[in-house]
């Protein structure tokens, strides 16, 4: 729990994500087998890690381990906090307690499409974002990143275009040499 508290202190704004709720709400992540569930979980983690690089919010992804005999696990992957709840603890319960604990000091959003959970966290002072709204927000984020990358690519081409032909050839030879290593 120390890792969680230490990391959460770094942010004024937090986004808690109910992992399995999102997986079961997004068509791109829905699955039918346990193998696919692991793949969906990994995909969601990757998406949120990428998203985290461009947001000012602390992002906490929470997965239920309700029926698994285990203690709570908190893992940090590239600034994304991933929580696997302990036995008999739901993601909803963990998120509710976190909102109670940090809600007075931080601005908190909770991503879930569970209507009851939305009502509870609203009552505790957090704001809600549905699974669809989160998906839309992330899609917009990816569109913006692509626009920025396109502009950067154009800038780089302009810069390379101003180089003399012999300099470009030298760079190309160096690139080939490095690729052979």
C-alpha atoms as a PDB file:
ATOM      1  CA  UNK A   1       0.000   0.000   0.000  1.00  0.00           C
ATOM      2  CA  UNK A   2       2.961   2.291   0.504  1.00  0.00           C
ATOM      3  CA  UNK A   3       3.665   2.394  -3.227  1.00  0.00           C
ATOM      4  CA  UNK A   4       0.059   3.356  -3.912  1.00  0.00           C
ATOM      5  CA  UNK A   5       0.011   6.135  -1.312  1.00  0.00           C
ATOM      6  CA  UNK A   6       3.406   7.454  -2.388  1.00  0.00           C
ATOM      7  CA  UNK A   7       2.418   7.617  -6.046  1.00  0.00           C
ATOM      8  CA  UNK A   8      -1.034   9.065  -5.419  1.00  0.00           C
ATOM      9  CA  UNK A   9       0.485  11.912  -3.394  1.00  0.00           C
ATOM     10  CA  UNK A  10       2.240  13.095  -6.562  1.00  0.00           C
ATOM     11  CA  UNK A  11      -1.023  14.025  -8.293  1.00  0.00           C
ATOM     12  CA  UNK A  12      -3.771  16.556  -7.700  1.00  0.00           C
ATOM     13  CA  UNK A  13      -6.084  14.673 -10.024  1.00  0.00           C
ATOM     14  CA  UNK A  14      -6.715  10.944 -10.198  1.00  0.00           C
ATOM     15  CA  UNK A  15      -8.481   8.602 -12.571  1.00  0.00           C
ATOM     16  CA  UNK A  16      -9.526   5.243 -11.117  1.00  0.00           C
ATOM     17  CA  UNK A  17     -10.438   2.664 -13.763  1.00  0.00           C
ATOM     18  CA  UNK A  18     -12.533  -0.418 -12.986  1.00  0.00           C
ATOM     19  CA  UNK A  19     -10.568  -2.785 -15.211  1.00  0.00           C
ATOM     20  CA  UNK A  20     -12.981  -5.641 -15.784  1.00  0.00           C
ATOM     21  CA  UNK A  21     -15.908  -3.270 -16.181  1.00  0.00           C
ATOM     22  CA  UNK A  22     -14.039  -1.499 -18.982  1.00  0.00           C
ATOM     23  CA  UNK A  23     -12.980  -4.793 -20.588  1.00  0.00           C
ATOM     24  CA  UNK A  24     -16.582  -5.996 -20.616  1.00  0.00           C
ATOM     25  CA  UNK A  25     -17.858  -2.668 -21.957  1.00  0.00           C
ATOM     26  CA  UNK A  26     -15.467  -2.026 -24.832  1.00  0.00           C
ATOM     27  CA  UNK A  27     -16.184  -4.113 -27.925  1.00  0.00           C
ATOM     28  CA  UNK A  28     -12.487  -4.145 -28.771  1.00  0.00           C
ATOM     29  CA  UNK A  29     -11.681  -5.851 -25.446  1.00  0.00           C
ATOM     30  CA  UNK A  30     -14.637  -8.172 -24.879  1.00  0.00           C
ATOM     31  CA  UNK A  31     -13.631 -11.804 -24.712  1.00  0.00           C
ATOM     32  CA  UNK A  32     -14.994 -15.278 -24.287  1.00  0.00           C
ATOM     33  CA  UNK A  33     -12.140 -17.338 -22.841  1.00  0.00           C
ATOM     34  CA  UNK A  34      -9.646 -16.994 -20.008  1.00  0.00           C
ATOM     35  CA  UNK A  35      -6.735 -16.734 -22.468  1.00  0.00           C
ATOM     36  CA  UNK A  36      -8.486 -13.889 -24.216  1.00  0.00           C
ATOM     37  CA  UNK A  37      -9.215 -12.281 -20.848  1.00  0.00           C
ATOM     38  CA  UNK A  38      -5.497 -12.126 -20.097  1.00  0.00           C
ATOM     39  CA  UNK A  39      -4.912 -10.632 -23.540  1.00  0.00           C
ATOM     40  CA  UNK A  40      -7.683  -8.069 -22.970  1.00  0.00           C
ATOM     41  CA  UNK A  41      -6.237  -7.175 -19.585  1.00  0.00           C
ATOM     42  CA  UNK A  42      -2.780  -6.685 -21.132  1.00  0.00           C
ATOM     43  CA  UNK A  43      -4.243  -4.593 -23.957  1.00  0.00           C
ATOM     44  CA  UNK A  44      -6.071  -2.328 -21.497  1.00  0.00           C
ATOM     45  CA  UNK A  45      -2.887  -1.926 -19.458  1.00  0.00           C
ATOM     46  CA  UNK A  46      -0.956  -0.977 -22.605  1.00  0.00           C
ATOM     47  CA  UNK A  47      -3.628   1.515 -23.691  1.00  0.00           C
ATOM     48  CA  UNK A  48      -3.690   3.188 -20.284  1.00  0.00           C
ATOM     49  CA  UNK A  49       0.119   3.265 -20.032  1.00  0.00           C
ATOM     50  CA  UNK A  50       0.241   5.133 -23.328  1.00  0.00           C
ATOM     51  CA  UNK A  51      -2.587   7.430 -22.216  1.00  0.00           C
ATOM     52  CA  UNK A  52      -0.817   8.087 -18.902  1.00  0.00           C
ATOM     53  CA  UNK A  53       2.225   9.489 -20.698  1.00  0.00           C
ATOM     54  CA  UNK A  54       0.115  12.367 -21.991  1.00  0.00           C
ATOM     55  CA  UNK A  55      -2.196  13.138 -19.091  1.00  0.00           C
ATOM     56  CA  UNK A  56      -1.608  15.093 -15.914  1.00  0.00           C
ATOM     57  CA  UNK A  57      -3.790  12.704 -13.899  1.00  0.00           C
ATOM     58  CA  UNK A  58      -2.553   9.828 -11.836  1.00  0.00           C
ATOM     59  CA  UNK A  59      -4.128   6.708 -13.342  1.00  0.00           C
ATOM     60  CA  UNK A  60      -5.018   3.740 -11.129  1.00  0.00           C
ATOM     61  CA  UNK A  61      -6.271   0.620 -12.900  1.00  0.00           C
ATOM     62  CA  UNK A  62      -8.081  -1.756 -10.539  1.00  0.00           C
ATOM     63  CA  UNK A  63      -8.794  -5.437 -11.200  1.00  0.00           C
ATOM     64  CA  UNK A  64     -10.911  -7.696  -8.991  1.00  0.00           C
ATOM     65  CA  UNK A  65      -9.165 -10.632  -7.395  1.00  0.00           C
ATOM     66  CA  UNK A  66     -12.270 -11.360  -5.343  1.00  0.00           C
ATOM     67  CA  UNK A  67     -12.217 -15.149  -5.748  1.00  0.00           C
ATOM     68  CA  UNK A  68      -8.444 -15.530  -5.704  1.00  0.00           C
ATOM     69  CA  UNK A  69      -6.686 -16.320  -2.449  1.00  0.00           C
ATOM     70  CA  UNK A  70      -4.188 -13.496  -2.465  1.00  0.00           C
ATOM     71  CA  UNK A  71      -3.210 -10.284  -0.781  1.00  0.00           C
ATOM     72  CA  UNK A  72      -3.667  -7.011  -2.575  1.00  0.00           C
ATOM     73  CA  UNK A  73      -0.971  -6.388  -5.157  1.00  0.00           C
ATOM     74  CA  UNK A  74       0.045  -2.943  -6.354  1.00  0.00           C
ATOM     75  CA  UNK A  75       2.258  -2.804  -9.411  1.00  0.00           C
ATOM     76  CA  UNK A  76       3.748   0.189 -11.176  1.00  0.00           C
ATOM     77  CA  UNK A  77       4.193  -0.068 -14.939  1.00  0.00           C
ATOM     78  CA  UNK A  78       5.506   3.074 -16.620  1.00  0.00           C
ATOM     79  CA  UNK A  79       3.741   5.423 -14.190  1.00  0.00           C
ATOM     80  CA  UNK A  80       0.484   3.447 -14.380  1.00  0.00           C
ATOM     81  CA  UNK A  81      -0.602   2.042 -11.029  1.00  0.00           C
ATOM     82  CA  UNK A  82      -2.224  -1.375 -11.328  1.00  0.00           C
ATOM     83  CA  UNK A  83      -4.058  -2.787  -8.327  1.00  0.00           C
ATOM     84  CA  UNK A  84      -5.176  -6.396  -8.011  1.00  0.00           C
ATOM     85  CA  UNK A  85      -7.559  -6.462  -5.071  1.00  0.00           C
ATOM     86  CA  UNK A  86      -7.201  -8.935  -2.241  1.00  0.00           C
ATOM     87  CA  UNK A  87      -9.420 -11.956  -1.707  1.00  0.00           C
ATOM     88  CA  UNK A  88     -13.066 -10.998  -1.035  1.00  0.00           C
ATOM     89  CA  UNK A  89     -12.453  -7.389  -2.089  1.00  0.00           C
ATOM     90  CA  UNK A  90     -14.108  -6.069  -5.233  1.00  0.00           C
ATOM     91  CA  UNK A  91     -12.680  -3.350  -7.435  1.00  0.00           C
ATOM     92  CA  UNK A  92     -15.785  -1.311  -6.594  1.00  0.00           C
ATOM     93  CA  UNK A  93     -15.086  -1.545  -2.876  1.00  0.00           C
ATOM     94  CA  UNK A  94     -11.418  -0.647  -3.323  1.00  0.00           C
ATOM     95  CA  UNK A  95     -12.330   2.360  -5.471  1.00  0.00           C
ATOM     96  CA  UNK A  96     -15.002   3.526  -3.009  1.00  0.00           C
ATOM     97  CA  UNK A  97     -12.540   3.398  -0.108  1.00  0.00           C
ATOM     98  CA  UNK A  98      -9.924   5.211  -2.185  1.00  0.00           C
ATOM     99  CA  UNK A  99     -12.401   7.963  -3.043  1.00  0.00           C
ATOM    100  CA  UNK A 100     -13.183   8.308   0.667  1.00  0.00           C
ATOM    101  CA  UNK A 101      -9.482   8.426   1.532  1.00  0.00           C
ATOM    102  CA  UNK A 102      -8.243  10.818  -1.159  1.00  0.00           C
ATOM    103  CA  UNK A 103     -11.400  12.601  -2.288  1.00  0.00           C
ATOM    104  CA  UNK A 104     -11.122  15.582   0.027  1.00  0.00           C
ATOM    105  CA  UNK A 105      -7.586  16.335  -1.136  1.00  0.00           C
ATOM    106  CA  UNK A 106      -7.749  15.359  -4.794  1.00  0.00           C
ATOM    107  CA  UNK A 107     -10.000  15.702  -7.797  1.00  0.00           C
ATOM    108  CA  UNK A 108     -11.049  12.147  -8.605  1.00  0.00           C
ATOM    109  CA  UNK A 109     -12.728  10.645 -11.649  1.00  0.00           C
ATOM    110  CA  UNK A 110     -13.879   7.040 -11.728  1.00  0.00           C
ATOM    111  CA  UNK A 111     -14.279   5.155 -15.002  1.00  0.00           C
ATOM    112  CA  UNK A 112     -17.006   2.527 -14.749  1.00  0.00           C
ATOM    113  CA  UNK A 113     -20.349   1.808 -16.346  1.00  0.00           C
ATOM    114  CA  UNK A 114     -21.669   0.170 -13.185  1.00  0.00           C
ATOM    115  CA  UNK A 115     -24.633   2.430 -12.380  1.00  0.00           C
ATOM    116  CA  UNK A 116     -24.685   1.624  -8.660  1.00  0.00           C
ATOM    117  CA  UNK A 117     -20.956   2.304  -8.389  1.00  0.00           C
ATOM    118  CA  UNK A 118     -21.404   5.600 -10.230  1.00  0.00           C
ATOM    119  CA  UNK A 119     -24.068   6.683  -7.746  1.00  0.00           C
ATOM    120  CA  UNK A 120     -21.916   5.706  -4.765  1.00  0.00           C
ATOM    121  CA  UNK A 121     -18.800   7.528  -5.931  1.00  0.00           C
ATOM    122  CA  UNK A 122     -20.834  10.601  -6.884  1.00  0.00           C
ATOM    123  CA  UNK A 123     -22.151  10.619  -3.328  1.00  0.00           C
ATOM    124  CA  UNK A 124     -18.577  10.528  -2.052  1.00  0.00           C
ATOM    125  CA  UNK A 125     -17.512  13.539  -4.121  1.00  0.00           C
ATOM    126  CA  UNK A 126     -15.850  11.976  -7.151  1.00  0.00           C
ATOM    127  CA  UNK A 127     -16.994  12.410 -10.725  1.00  0.00           C
ATOM    128  CA  UNK A 128     -17.881   9.530 -12.973  1.00  0.00           C
ATOM    129  CA  UNK A 129     -16.940   8.722 -16.497  1.00  0.00           C
ATOM    130  CA  UNK A 130     -18.618   5.835 -18.272  1.00  0.00           C
ATOM    131  CA  UNK A 131     -16.664   3.176 -20.108  1.00  0.00           C
ATOM    132  CA  UNK A 132     -17.847   4.640 -23.418  1.00  0.00           C
ATOM    133  CA  UNK A 133     -16.780   8.145 -22.403  1.00  0.00           C
ATOM    134  CA  UNK A 134     -13.328   6.866 -21.444  1.00  0.00           C
ATOM    135  CA  UNK A 135     -13.060   5.025 -24.747  1.00  0.00           C
ATOM    136  CA  UNK A 136     -14.022   8.207 -26.604  1.00  0.00           C
ATOM    137  CA  UNK A 137     -11.527  10.265 -24.579  1.00  0.00           C
ATOM    138  CA  UNK A 138      -8.735   7.814 -25.395  1.00  0.00           C
ATOM    139  CA  UNK A 139      -9.694   7.708 -29.087  1.00  0.00           C
ATOM    140  CA  UNK A 140      -9.503  11.522 -29.176  1.00  0.00           C
ATOM    141  CA  UNK A 141      -6.157  11.343 -27.435  1.00  0.00           C
ATOM    142  CA  UNK A 142      -4.828   8.978 -30.124  1.00  0.00           C
ATOM    143  CA  UNK A 143      -6.110  11.279 -32.882  1.00  0.00           C
ATOM    144  CA  UNK A 144      -4.304  14.229 -31.300  1.00  0.00           C
ATOM    145  CA  UNK A 145      -1.081  12.241 -30.933  1.00  0.00           C
ATOM    146  CA  UNK A 146      -1.253  11.245 -34.611  1.00  0.00           C
ATOM    147  CA  UNK A 147      -1.717  14.894 -35.609  1.00  0.00           C
ATOM    148  CA  UNK A 148       1.309  15.906 -33.549  1.00  0.00           C
ATOM    149  CA  UNK A 149       3.368  13.070 -35.026  1.00  0.00           C
ATOM    150  CA  UNK A 150       2.383  14.108 -38.557  1.00  0.00           C
ATOM    151  CA  UNK A 151       3.472  17.692 -37.894  1.00  0.00           C
ATOM    152  CA  UNK A 152       6.769  16.484 -36.411  1.00  0.00           C
ATOM    153  CA  UNK A 153       7.361  14.253 -39.425  1.00  0.00           C
ATOM    154  CA  UNK A 154       6.858  17.211 -41.762  1.00  0.00           C
ATOM    155  CA  UNK A 155       9.227  19.331 -39.675  1.00  0.00           C
ATOM    156  CA  UNK A 156      11.861  16.591 -39.795  1.00  0.00           C
ATOM    157  CA  UNK A 157      11.529  16.251 -43.570  1.00  0.00           C
ATOM    158  CA  UNK A 158      11.966  19.994 -43.978  1.00  0.00           C
ATOM    159  CA  UNK A 159      15.045  19.893 -41.807  1.00  0.00           C
ATOM    160  CA  UNK A 160      16.540  16.975 -43.725  1.00  0.00           C
ATOM    161  CA  UNK A 161      15.638  18.685 -46.991  1.00  0.00           C
ATOM    162  CA  UNK A 162      17.924  21.562 -46.113  1.00  0.00           C
ATOM    163  CA  UNK A 163      20.932  19.246 -45.800  1.00  0.00           C
ATOM    164  CA  UNK A 164      23.378  18.941 -48.646  1.00  0.00           C
ATOM    165  CA  UNK A 165      23.253  15.784 -50.734  1.00  0.00           C
ATOM    166  CA  UNK A 166      26.611  14.494 -49.458  1.00  0.00           C
ATOM    167  CA  UNK A 167      25.455  14.935 -45.841  1.00  0.00           C
ATOM    168  CA  UNK A 168      22.304  12.939 -46.566  1.00  0.00           C
ATOM    169  CA  UNK A 169      24.389  10.150 -48.124  1.00  0.00           C
ATOM    170  CA  UNK A 170      26.676  10.092 -45.085  1.00  0.00           C
ATOM    171  CA  UNK A 171      23.654   9.841 -42.776  1.00  0.00           C
ATOM    172  CA  UNK A 172      22.221   7.020 -44.882  1.00  0.00           C
ATOM    173  CA  UNK A 173      25.524   5.089 -44.736  1.00  0.00           C
ATOM    174  CA  UNK A 174      25.679   5.580 -40.980  1.00  0.00           C
ATOM    175  CA  UNK A 175      22.097   4.326 -40.637  1.00  0.00           C
ATOM    176  CA  UNK A 176      22.880   1.216 -42.697  1.00  0.00           C
ATOM    177  CA  UNK A 177      26.012   0.563 -40.651  1.00  0.00           C
ATOM    178  CA  UNK A 178      24.045   0.823 -37.398  1.00  0.00           C
ATOM    179  CA  UNK A 179      21.324  -1.510 -38.665  1.00  0.00           C
ATOM    180  CA  UNK A 180      23.903  -4.201 -39.509  1.00  0.00           C
ATOM    181  CA  UNK A 181      25.149  -4.336 -35.904  1.00  0.00           C
END
